[in-house]
Amino acid sequence: MKNLQPSSLSFRLFLIMTLLFSPILAKAETHDVLVRNNFFEPNDITIEVGDTVRWTNNSGLHDVTADDGSFTSVTSSNFTFSRTFNSIAEVLYYCSVHSSPGQNINSNMNGRINVIEASATTDISIDSVD
């Protein structure tokens, strides 16, 4: 067994403790939603804080508008619109051409995004501490 210097051992313990107790956040993802003729596909998704939703429309005159007015895309027959969600929330949205805020997402051109806390991953590998 090697004789470790106290400072070397302390540093290694510090490094191990830092890695074990510091959350390492998962990589943010992009979720695609298709804007179809009078519906969003999918119309109900769950994402993590920091993730982005990208809506793509090539099927008629539509837009994407938050029920609370916090975002609105262009109104067009061909667009891509992205939004990153940075806090936990239930975000409701709709197409202002074909629906209105607060309508049922299963029978109108409305959708829901459930933004949940980002999960922490700990993918740590320590080969040896000698």
Protein backbone atom coordinates (compact mmCIF):
# COMPACT_ATOMS: atom_id res chain seq x y z
CA MET A 1 0.00 0.00 0.00
CA LYS A 2 1.27 3.42 -0.90
CA ASN A 3 1.82 5.99 1.78
CA LEU A 4 -0.41 8.91 0.76
CA GLN A 5 0.47 12.41 1.76
CA PRO A 6 -2.32 13.98 3.86
CA SER A 7 -2.83 16.78 1.31
CA SER A 8 -3.14 14.30 -1.57
CA LEU A 9 -5.66 12.16 0.33
CA SER A 10 -7.65 15.24 1.39
CA PHE A 11 -7.81 16.50 -2.19
CA ARG A 12 -8.99 13.13 -3.48
CA LEU A 13 -11.65 12.86 -0.77
CA PHE A 14 -12.76 16.39 -1.55
CA LEU A 15 -12.99 15.53 -5.26
CA ILE A 16 -14.99 12.36 -4.60
CA MET A 17 -17.40 14.14 -2.22
CA THR A 18 -17.88 17.00 -4.67
CA LEU A 19 -18.73 14.60 -7.49
CA LEU A 20 -21.07 12.52 -5.37
CA PHE A 21 -23.02 15.38 -3.85
CA SER A 22 -23.16 17.85 -6.73
CA PRO A 23 -26.11 17.15 -8.99
CA ILE A 24 -25.20 16.80 -12.63
CA LEU A 25 -28.18 17.89 -14.71
CA ALA A 26 -29.39 15.87 -17.64
CA LYS A 27 -28.85 17.32 -21.08
CA ALA A 28 -31.74 19.50 -22.23
CA GLU A 29 -33.88 18.00 -24.99
CA THR A 30 -35.96 19.32 -27.87
CA HIS A 31 -39.50 17.94 -28.22
CA ASP A 32 -41.24 18.19 -31.58
CA VAL A 33 -44.93 19.00 -31.97
CA LEU A 34 -46.55 18.93 -35.40
CA VAL A 35 -49.20 21.51 -36.21
CA ARG A 36 -51.82 19.60 -38.20
CA ASN A 37 -55.19 20.50 -39.69
CA ASN A 38 -56.99 21.60 -36.51
CA PHE A 39 -54.89 19.67 -33.95
CA PHE A 40 -51.43 19.46 -32.43
CA GLU A 41 -49.54 16.15 -32.49
CA PRO A 42 -48.86 15.32 -29.72
CA ASN A 43 -51.14 17.72 -27.90
CA ASP A 44 -50.13 16.75 -24.33
CA ILE A 45 -46.46 16.38 -23.42
CA THR A 46 -44.32 16.32 -20.29
CA ILE A 47 -40.87 17.89 -20.47
CA GLU A 48 -38.19 18.90 -18.00
CA VAL A 49 -37.12 22.41 -17.02
CA GLY A 50 -34.62 23.61 -19.63
CA ASP A 51 -36.15 21.58 -22.46
CA THR A 52 -37.35 23.17 -25.70
CA VAL A 53 -40.56 22.54 -27.63
CA ARG A 54 -40.41 23.01 -31.40
CA TRP A 55 -43.69 23.35 -33.29
CA THR A 56 -43.62 22.77 -37.04
CA ASN A 57 -46.49 23.71 -39.36
CA ASN A 58 -46.88 22.95 -43.07
CA SER A 59 -50.60 22.20 -43.13
CA GLY A 60 -52.65 25.37 -43.37
CA LEU A 61 -52.95 28.75 -41.68
CA HIS A 62 -52.16 28.31 -37.96
CA ASP A 63 -50.22 29.76 -35.04
CA VAL A 64 -49.21 28.72 -31.53
CA THR A 65 -50.31 31.04 -28.71
CA ALA A 66 -49.98 30.54 -24.94
CA ASP A 67 -53.25 30.79 -23.04
CA ASP A 68 -51.57 33.30 -20.70
CA GLY A 69 -50.17 35.34 -23.61
CA SER A 70 -46.52 34.62 -22.73
CA PHE A 71 -45.67 33.55 -26.29
CA THR A 72 -47.11 33.66 -29.80
CA SER A 73 -45.72 32.37 -33.05
CA VAL A 74 -46.34 33.92 -36.44
CA THR A 75 -49.64 33.09 -38.13
CA SER A 76 -48.66 31.30 -41.31
CA SER A 77 -49.14 28.18 -43.39
CA ASN A 78 -45.46 27.30 -43.01
CA PHE A 79 -43.42 27.95 -39.85
CA THR A 80 -41.20 26.49 -37.19
CA PHE A 81 -41.45 28.02 -33.74
CA SER A 82 -39.39 27.07 -30.67
CA ARG A 83 -39.65 27.95 -27.00
CA THR A 84 -37.47 26.88 -24.07
CA PHE A 85 -39.25 26.38 -20.74
CA ASN A 86 -37.16 27.36 -17.71
CA SER A 87 -39.57 26.89 -14.82
CA ILE A 88 -41.96 24.25 -13.52
CA ALA A 89 -45.44 24.93 -14.87
CA GLU A 90 -48.47 23.67 -16.73
CA VAL A 91 -48.46 25.60 -20.01
CA LEU A 92 -51.65 25.64 -22.05
CA TYR A 93 -51.64 26.82 -25.65
CA TYR A 94 -53.91 27.01 -28.71
CA CYS A 95 -54.18 28.07 -32.34
CA SER A 96 -55.86 31.49 -32.37
CA VAL A 97 -57.17 30.86 -35.89
CA HIS A 98 -59.13 27.74 -34.88
CA SER A 99 -59.66 27.87 -31.12
CA SER A 100 -59.41 29.98 -27.98
CA PRO A 101 -57.75 29.77 -24.55
CA GLY A 102 -59.01 27.23 -22.05
CA GLN A 103 -60.69 24.85 -24.49
CA ASN A 104 -60.52 21.07 -24.11
CA ILE A 105 -57.23 19.81 -25.60
CA ASN A 106 -58.91 16.61 -26.82
CA SER A 107 -61.64 18.26 -28.90
CA ASN A 108 -60.17 21.61 -29.96
CA MET A 109 -56.93 22.95 -31.41
CA ASN A 110 -55.37 23.29 -27.96
CA GLY A 111 -52.43 21.67 -26.23
CA ARG A 112 -50.71 21.25 -22.88
CA ILE A 113 -47.07 21.14 -21.80
CA ASN A 114 -46.31 19.86 -18.31
CA VAL A 115 -42.89 21.22 -17.30
CA ILE A 116 -41.41 19.22 -14.42
CA GLU A 117 -38.21 19.49 -12.41
CA ALA A 118 -35.14 18.37 -14.33
CA SER A 119 -33.86 15.02 -13.17
CA ALA A 120 -30.31 14.80 -11.94
CA THR A 121 -28.02 12.11 -13.24
CA THR A 122 -24.94 10.83 -11.56
CA ASP A 123 -22.85 9.05 -14.13
CA ILE A 124 -19.64 8.97 -12.15
CA SER A 125 -16.86 6.48 -12.50
CA ILE A 126 -13.88 6.35 -10.19
CA ASP A 127 -11.25 3.83 -11.18
CA SER A 128 -9.03 4.03 -8.13
CA VAL A 129 -7.99 6.22 -5.28
CA ASP A 130 -4.36 5.32 -4.77
